[in-house]
Amino acid sequence: MLLHQLVDRFGPAIVFVNVMGSALGLPVPAMPTMIVVGASIALMAVNGAAFWPPLVGVLCVAVAGGVLGDLVWFQGGRKYGDKTLKTICKLSLSRDTCVKKTERFFGRWGVRILLVAKFIPGLSLVSVPLAGAMGVKLRSFVAHDGAGIALWGAVGLTVGVIFAAQLEMVFAMISQLGRQAVVVIAVLLAIYVSYRWWRRRALMATLEKARISVDELYALMNDEPLPVIFDIRSPEKRMLDPAAIPGSLFADERDLARIIESYDKSRKVVIYCSCPNEVSAAWMAKTMRNAGFRDVVPLTGGLDAWRLAGFQVATLTEFGELAATTPEEVAEMAAMCPWPVKAASASASASPAPASSAGPASLHEAGFPHGDRA
């Protein structure tokens, strides 16, 4: 049986399973499937039969499969919020910085980002649960997600129709291979996944050579001079997780030129984010070291590790006004109140302990708000 005949018989089922699997995050390339199906439908209509109705039918099936798959992540984001994004951060084969980029895109464009998310690798898988975590209404999500999948699917089918003649030769070669074609495709897919995994592991091994633990950071916060602590989470991430390590300065790694010019290169700098697999902090630390900073390290585990260790966090304000903008201002704040103490019990790690009689337990409680600008 020729490949396009197989697609003609089982095409809708193949498209549904493939697109839904891709939406769920499985490493299956859905766009090639849409192109092959579009070409197959065009080849089966060479005798003058109309091929638009089958194309429309396949497109509807693709939209149904994609929306159903995305709804799983959307509801996960709505129910579990930031935890869902952290799960994606751990499972994704893409570079972890795609999570931060998606958060920034979403902060600028909102749910409209779903109209083009399918065209950008990694963007769709992150933007869908982020839409749920940010409180997008179900009706709005389905409308925008469905429209985006329809646009994406239409492009794939159209490409297949346009290049049907060229793809027919490929179909003939694959049909001659028979079952061997399935083996070849499976081997190529395994090589692709293995390469992405190996590249990610190599990157993490390179970036994890110089790091600092939360216990080491806590000890430094009780010594002089105080370290410069950069929180490089996106504003959207801080909205989902409104907490910070006391004394942190919110920074954007895209503004490295200004940061490099503004800070003393001999000062110790600690950079953190929230996702345990996030490599943005390590990349920024490496760039600053290359620029001449003597001691710049990312914080192992980021904000999550700080909380799990039992240290208190500063709660971000509703409007996100940030009073401290330089290390000197942070030092002045620290002189007015003690640094947070480590919790004595496991329950203290779940919520900040009350302020002691000696003074407030965090910079925030001392009247110095932390957060990002609205």
Protein backbone atom coordinates (compact mmCIF):
# COMPACT_ATOMS: atom_id res chain seq x y z
CA MET A 1 0.00 0.00 0.00
CA LEU A 2 1.41 3.40 -1.03
CA LEU A 3 1.98 5.94 1.70
CA HIS A 4 -0.55 8.42 0.32
CA GLN A 5 -3.11 5.62 0.12
CA LEU A 6 -2.40 4.79 3.76
CA VAL A 7 -2.84 8.45 4.65
CA ASP A 8 -6.09 8.56 2.66
CA ARG A 9 -7.43 5.68 4.71
CA PHE A 10 -6.14 6.58 8.17
CA GLY A 11 -5.20 10.23 7.67
CA PRO A 12 -7.68 11.84 10.10
CA ALA A 13 -6.76 9.41 12.89
CA ILE A 14 -3.04 9.94 12.27
CA VAL A 15 -3.46 13.72 12.34
CA PHE A 16 -5.58 13.66 15.50
CA VAL A 17 -3.15 11.49 17.46
CA ASN A 18 -0.06 13.28 16.17
CA VAL A 19 -1.29 16.83 16.81
CA MET A 20 -2.69 15.95 20.23
CA GLY A 21 0.57 14.20 21.18
CA SER A 22 2.55 17.23 20.12
CA ALA A 23 0.25 19.47 22.18
CA LEU A 24 0.82 17.25 25.21
CA GLY A 25 4.58 17.72 24.83
CA LEU A 26 5.59 14.43 23.19
CA PRO A 27 8.62 14.75 20.87
CA VAL A 28 6.61 14.14 17.69
CA PRO A 29 6.94 16.56 14.73
CA ALA A 30 3.36 17.46 13.84
CA MET A 31 4.05 19.89 10.99
CA PRO A 32 5.62 17.21 8.72
CA THR A 33 2.51 15.11 9.25
CA MET A 34 0.27 17.97 8.10
CA ILE A 35 2.46 18.50 5.01
CA VAL A 36 2.39 14.79 4.12
CA VAL A 37 -1.37 14.58 4.59
CA GLY A 38 -1.93 17.69 2.46
CA ALA A 39 0.23 16.28 -0.33
CA SER A 40 -1.50 12.89 -0.12
CA ILE A 41 -4.95 14.43 -0.44
CA ALA A 42 -3.81 16.44 -3.46
CA LEU A 43 -2.33 13.34 -5.12
CA MET A 44 -5.55 11.37 -4.61
CA ALA A 45 -7.49 14.14 -6.39
CA VAL A 46 -5.52 14.13 -9.67
CA ASN A 47 -8.55 12.92 -11.61
CA GLY A 48 -10.39 16.15 -11.02
CA ALA A 49 -12.02 15.25 -7.72
CA ALA A 50 -12.38 18.14 -5.30
CA PHE A 51 -9.78 17.96 -2.55
CA TRP A 52 -10.94 20.96 -0.50
CA PRO A 53 -13.57 19.07 1.52
CA PRO A 54 -11.04 16.44 2.73
CA LEU A 55 -8.55 19.21 3.56
CA VAL A 56 -11.15 21.06 5.60
CA GLY A 57 -12.09 17.83 7.37
CA VAL A 58 -8.46 17.07 8.28
CA LEU A 59 -8.00 20.65 9.46
CA CYS A 60 -11.00 20.34 11.78
CA VAL A 61 -9.60 17.09 13.15
CA ALA A 62 -6.23 18.79 13.77
CA VAL A 63 -7.91 21.65 15.63
CA ALA A 64 -9.87 19.21 17.78
CA GLY A 65 -6.78 17.18 18.68
CA GLY A 66 -4.66 20.25 19.36
CA VAL A 67 -7.23 21.98 21.54
CA LEU A 68 -7.92 18.82 23.55
CA GLY A 69 -4.20 18.32 24.17
CA ASP A 70 -3.70 21.96 25.10
CA LEU A 71 -6.65 21.89 27.49
CA VAL A 72 -4.77 19.39 29.66
CA TRP A 73 -1.91 21.87 30.19
CA PHE A 74 -4.28 24.83 30.41
CA GLN A 75 -6.25 23.25 33.24
CA GLY A 76 -2.98 22.20 34.88
CA GLY A 77 -1.80 25.81 34.78
CA ARG A 78 -5.12 27.06 36.12
CA LYS A 79 -5.14 24.56 39.00
CA TYR A 80 -1.47 24.33 39.94
CA GLY A 81 -0.13 27.64 38.61
CA ASP A 82 3.64 27.99 38.76
CA LYS A 83 4.11 24.30 39.59
CA THR A 84 2.93 23.35 36.09
CA LEU A 85 5.51 25.64 34.50
CA LYS A 86 8.22 24.10 36.66
CA THR A 87 7.15 20.64 35.49
CA ILE A 88 7.51 21.75 31.88
CA CYS A 89 10.87 23.26 32.74
CA LYS A 90 12.03 19.84 33.94
CA LEU A 91 10.56 17.81 31.06
CA SER A 92 11.23 20.05 28.09
CA LEU A 93 14.09 19.14 25.76
CA SER A 94 14.30 22.77 24.69
CA ARG A 95 16.60 25.23 26.39
CA ASP A 96 15.00 26.35 29.62
CA THR A 97 15.23 30.01 28.68
CA CYS A 98 12.28 29.46 26.33
CA VAL A 99 10.12 29.51 29.47
CA LYS A 100 11.26 33.02 30.37
CA LYS A 101 10.91 34.25 26.80
CA THR A 102 7.36 32.94 26.69
CA GLU A 103 6.52 34.68 29.95
CA ARG A 104 7.76 37.96 28.50
CA PHE A 105 5.86 37.45 25.25
CA PHE A 106 2.71 36.68 27.22
CA GLY A 107 3.18 39.73 29.39
CA ARG A 108 3.30 41.89 26.25
CA TRP A 109 0.68 40.25 24.02
CA GLY A 110 -1.52 38.30 26.42
CA VAL A 111 -3.61 35.42 25.14
CA ARG A 112 -3.11 36.63 21.55
CA ILE A 113 0.27 34.92 21.62
CA LEU A 114 -1.59 31.63 21.07
CA LEU A 115 -2.35 32.73 17.50
CA VAL A 116 1.31 32.22 16.52
CA ALA A 117 2.58 29.95 19.30
CA LYS A 118 2.41 26.77 17.17
CA PHE A 119 4.89 28.22 14.70
CA ILE A 120 7.63 28.73 17.32
CA PRO A 121 9.21 25.60 18.86
CA GLY A 122 8.78 25.49 22.62
CA LEU A 123 6.53 28.53 22.75
CA SER A 124 3.23 26.65 22.53
CA LEU A 125 4.01 24.17 25.30
CA VAL A 126 4.82 26.98 27.74
CA SER A 127 2.25 29.59 26.69
CA VAL A 128 -0.71 27.22 27.15
CA PRO A 129 -0.26 26.47 30.89
CA LEU A 130 0.87 30.06 31.40
CA ALA A 131 -2.49 31.21 30.03
CA GLY A 132 -4.21 29.05 32.65
CA ALA A 133 -1.96 30.28 35.45
CA MET A 134 -2.54 33.92 34.47
CA GLY A 135 -6.32 33.47 34.75
CA VAL A 136 -7.34 33.56 31.07
CA LYS A 137 -11.01 32.65 30.65
CA LEU A 138 -11.72 29.22 29.17
CA ARG A 139 -13.81 30.63 26.32
CA SER A 140 -11.08 33.08 25.32
CA PHE A 141 -8.42 30.37 25.52
CA VAL A 142 -10.32 27.92 23.32
CA ALA A 143 -11.07 30.64 20.75
CA HIS A 144 -7.48 31.87 20.46
CA ASP A 145 -5.91 28.41 20.72
CA GLY A 146 -8.28 26.97 18.13
CA ALA A 147 -7.63 29.86 15.74
CA GLY A 148 -3.87 29.48 16.17
CA ILE A 149 -3.99 25.72 15.51
CA ALA A 150 -6.23 26.28 12.48
CA LEU A 151 -3.78 28.81 11.04
CA TRP A 152 -0.82 26.51 11.73
CA GLY A 153 -2.59 23.47 10.24
CA ALA A 154 -3.71 25.41 7.16
CA VAL A 155 -0.11 26.42 6.44
CA GLY A 156 1.07 22.81 6.70
CA LEU A 157 -1.68 21.45 4.45
CA THR A 158 -1.13 24.22 1.90
CA VAL A 159 2.60 23.50 1.70
CA GLY A 160 1.77 19.83 1.13
CA VAL A 161 -0.65 20.65 -1.70
CA ILE A 162 1.82 23.01 -3.40
CA PHE A 163 4.70 20.51 -3.33
CA ALA A 164 2.62 17.38 -3.88
CA ALA A 165 4.44 16.44 -7.10
CA GLN A 166 7.86 16.63 -5.46
CA LEU A 167 6.68 14.71 -2.41
CA GLU A 168 5.22 11.98 -4.60
CA MET A 169 8.73 10.81 -5.43
CA VAL A 170 9.49 10.64 -1.72
CA PHE A 171 6.29 8.65 -1.17
CA ALA A 172 7.37 6.16 -3.85
CA MET A 173 10.78 5.66 -2.26
CA ILE A 174 9.24 5.13 1.17
CA SER A 175 6.67 2.68 -0.20
CA GLN A 176 9.47 0.61 -1.72
CA LEU A 177 11.14 0.41 1.66
CA GLY A 178 7.93 -0.90 3.22
CA ARG A 179 8.36 -1.74 6.88
CA GLN A 180 11.93 -0.57 6.71
CA ALA A 181 10.60 2.97 6.32
CA VAL A 182 9.01 2.73 9.77
CA VAL A 183 12.32 1.58 11.23
CA VAL A 184 14.17 4.43 9.52
CA ILE A 185 11.69 7.01 10.82
CA ALA A 186 11.87 5.57 14.34
CA VAL A 187 15.69 5.62 14.28
CA LEU A 188 15.76 9.21 13.04
CA LEU A 189 13.32 10.26 15.77
CA ALA A 190 15.41 8.50 18.42
CA ILE A 191 18.57 10.22 17.13
CA TYR A 192 16.82 13.60 17.24
CA VAL A 193 15.60 13.14 20.83
CA SER A 194 18.97 11.78 21.95
CA TYR A 195 20.80 14.71 20.40
CA ARG A 196 18.54 17.26 22.12
CA TRP A 197 18.98 15.45 25.44
CA TRP A 198 22.76 15.23 25.04
CA ARG A 199 23.03 18.92 24.11
CA ARG A 200 21.00 19.90 27.16
CA ARG A 201 23.12 17.73 29.47
CA ALA A 202 26.34 19.13 28.01
CA LEU A 203 25.08 22.67 28.47
CA MET A 204 24.06 22.08 32.08
CA ALA A 205 27.39 20.38 32.87
CA THR A 206 29.25 23.40 31.51
CA LEU A 207 27.18 25.94 33.40
CA GLU A 208 27.05 24.11 36.74
CA LYS A 209 30.79 24.24 37.40
CA ALA A 210 30.59 27.40 39.52
CA ARG A 211 27.55 27.71 41.79
CA ILE A 212 26.67 28.67 45.35
CA SER A 213 24.28 26.91 47.73
CA VAL A 214 21.54 28.64 49.72
CA ASP A 215 23.38 27.91 52.98
CA GLU A 216 26.50 29.58 51.64
CA LEU A 217 24.46 32.58 50.50
CA TYR A 218 22.79 32.86 53.91
CA ALA A 219 26.22 32.88 55.59
CA LEU A 220 27.39 35.65 53.23
CA MET A 221 24.32 37.74 54.08
CA ASN A 222 25.54 37.91 57.68
CA ASP A 223 29.02 39.12 56.71
CA GLU A 224 30.46 42.30 55.26
CA PRO A 225 30.39 43.39 52.56
CA LEU A 226 26.95 42.19 51.60
CA PRO A 227 26.76 40.37 48.26
CA VAL A 228 24.79 41.80 45.37
CA ILE A 229 21.79 39.50 44.83
CA PHE A 230 20.05 39.65 41.44
CA ASP A 231 16.55 38.24 40.96
CA ILE A 232 16.26 37.78 37.18
CA ARG A 233 12.81 36.21 37.08
CA SER A 234 10.42 37.75 34.60
CA PRO A 235 7.67 40.09 35.89
CA GLU A 236 5.08 37.44 34.96
CA LYS A 237 6.91 34.82 37.01
CA ARG A 238 6.96 37.15 40.01
CA MET A 239 3.22 37.68 39.60
CA LEU A 240 2.72 33.91 39.83
CA ASP A 241 5.15 33.59 42.73
CA PRO A 242 5.07 36.91 44.66
CA ALA A 243 8.10 36.31 46.85
CA ALA A 244 11.80 37.13 46.78
CA ILE A 245 14.99 36.61 48.74
CA PRO A 246 15.28 39.68 51.02
CA GLY A 247 17.64 42.28 49.65
CA SER A 248 17.31 41.11 46.05
CA LEU A 249 17.59 43.54 43.17
CA PHE A 250 15.32 42.78 40.25
CA ALA A 251 17.37 42.70 37.06
CA ASP A 252 16.92 41.84 33.41
CA GLU A 253 19.75 39.89 31.80
CA ARG A 254 18.90 41.62 28.51
CA ASP A 255 20.14 44.85 30.14
CA LEU A 256 23.60 43.47 30.87
CA ALA A 257 25.45 46.45 29.42
CA ARG A 258 23.97 48.82 32.01
CA ILE A 259 24.44 46.29 34.82
CA ILE A 260 28.10 45.76 33.95
CA GLU A 261 28.70 49.52 33.96
CA SER A 262 26.82 50.15 37.22
CA TYR A 263 28.38 47.65 39.61
CA ASP A 264 31.80 47.18 41.13
CA LYS A 265 33.52 44.26 39.41
CA SER A 266 35.23 43.26 42.67
CA ARG A 267 31.87 42.82 44.47
CA LYS A 268 30.50 39.30 44.91
CA VAL A 269 27.35 38.79 42.83
CA VAL A 270 24.75 36.04 43.28
CA ILE A 271 22.08 35.49 40.60
CA TYR A 272 18.93 33.44 41.06
CA CYS A 273 15.68 32.52 39.39
CA SER A 274 12.90 30.11 40.37
CA CYS A 275 13.00 27.08 38.09
CA PRO A 276 15.58 24.47 39.20
CA ASN A 277 16.50 23.78 35.56
CA GLU A 278 16.61 27.44 34.52
CA VAL A 279 19.93 28.26 32.87
CA SER A 280 19.40 32.02 32.56
CA ALA A 281 21.19 32.69 35.86
CA ALA A 282 24.19 30.62 34.77
CA TRP A 283 24.34 32.32 31.38
CA MET A 284 24.24 35.76 33.00
CA ALA A 285 26.92 34.79 35.52
CA LYS A 286 29.17 33.51 32.75
CA THR A 287 28.70 36.71 30.72
CA MET A 288 29.50 38.91 33.71
CA ARG A 289 32.63 36.91 34.47
CA ASN A 290 33.73 37.34 30.88
CA ALA A 291 33.17 41.10 31.32
CA GLY A 292 35.65 41.24 34.20
CA PHE A 293 33.61 40.50 37.32
CA ARG A 294 35.73 38.49 39.73
CA ASP A 295 33.09 36.51 41.62
CA VAL A 296 29.69 35.93 40.01
CA VAL A 297 27.79 32.71 40.72
CA PRO A 298 24.26 31.43 40.17
CA LEU A 299 22.28 30.16 43.17
CA THR A 300 21.71 26.41 43.07
CA GLY A 301 17.98 25.70 43.07
CA GLY A 302 17.10 29.39 43.03
CA LEU A 303 14.21 30.72 45.08
CA ASP A 304 12.71 27.24 45.50
CA ALA A 305 15.85 25.93 47.22
CA TRP A 306 15.91 29.01 49.46
CA ARG A 307 12.37 28.30 50.63
CA LEU A 308 12.94 24.57 51.03
CA ALA A 309 15.95 25.29 53.25
CA GLY A 310 13.62 27.10 55.65
CA PHE A 311 14.78 30.67 55.05
CA GLN A 312 12.22 33.44 55.07
CA VAL A 313 11.22 35.29 51.94
CA ALA A 314 10.01 38.84 51.37
CA THR A 315 6.47 39.10 50.04
CA LEU A 316 6.17 41.26 46.95
CA THR A 317 3.83 44.23 47.00
CA GLU A 318 0.71 44.47 44.86
CA PHE A 319 2.07 47.31 42.74
CA GLY A 320 5.61 45.99 42.64
CA GLU A 321 7.42 49.22 43.49
CA LEU A 322 11.10 48.59 44.18
CA ALA A 323 12.80 51.02 46.50
CA ALA A 324 16.33 49.57 46.33
CA THR A 325 18.18 50.05 43.07
CA THR A 326 21.85 49.83 44.12
CA PRO A 327 23.89 47.63 46.48
CA GLU A 328 24.47 50.67 48.72
CA GLU A 329 20.72 51.13 49.23
CA VAL A 330 20.38 47.42 50.03
CA ALA A 331 23.17 47.76 52.62
CA GLU A 332 21.34 50.70 54.20
CA MET A 333 18.18 48.61 54.40
CA ALA A 334 20.06 45.73 55.99
CA ALA A 335 21.49 48.06 58.64
CA MET A 336 17.96 48.98 59.69
CA CYS A 337 16.71 45.43 60.21
CA PRO A 338 18.19 41.95 60.70
CA TRP A 339 18.44 39.43 57.89
CA PRO A 340 15.91 36.59 57.99
CA VAL A 341 16.70 33.70 60.26
CA LYS A 342 16.45 30.06 59.31
CA ALA A 343 13.25 28.35 60.41
CA ALA A 344 13.60 25.95 63.30
CA SER A 345 10.92 23.55 62.10
CA ALA A 346 9.67 22.15 58.82
CA SER A 347 6.41 24.06 59.14
CA ALA A 348 8.27 27.36 59.07
CA SER A 349 9.44 26.68 55.54
CA ALA A 350 5.87 26.73 54.29
CA SER A 351 5.21 30.29 55.46
CA PRO A 352 7.26 33.22 56.77
CA ALA A 353 7.72 33.35 60.52
CA PRO A 354 6.37 36.36 62.40
CA ALA A 355 8.67 39.29 63.03
CA SER A 356 10.63 39.16 66.26
CA SER A 357 10.69 41.85 68.87
CA ALA A 358 14.19 42.84 67.76
CA GLY A 359 12.92 44.01 64.44
CA PRO A 360 11.10 42.99 61.30
CA ALA A 361 11.93 39.62 59.78
CA SER A 362 12.38 40.87 56.24
CA LEU A 363 13.17 44.02 54.31
CA HIS A 364 9.61 44.08 53.07
CA GLU A 365 8.22 44.20 56.59
CA ALA A 366 10.60 47.06 57.36
CA GLY A 367 8.75 49.14 54.81
CA PHE A 368 10.86 48.47 51.75
CA PRO A 369 8.60 46.97 49.06
CA HIS A 370 9.88 44.39 46.63
CA GLY A 371 8.39 43.65 43.27
CA ASP A 372 8.24 44.60 39.63
CA ARG A 373 6.60 47.58 38.02
CA ALA A 374 3.10 47.02 36.77
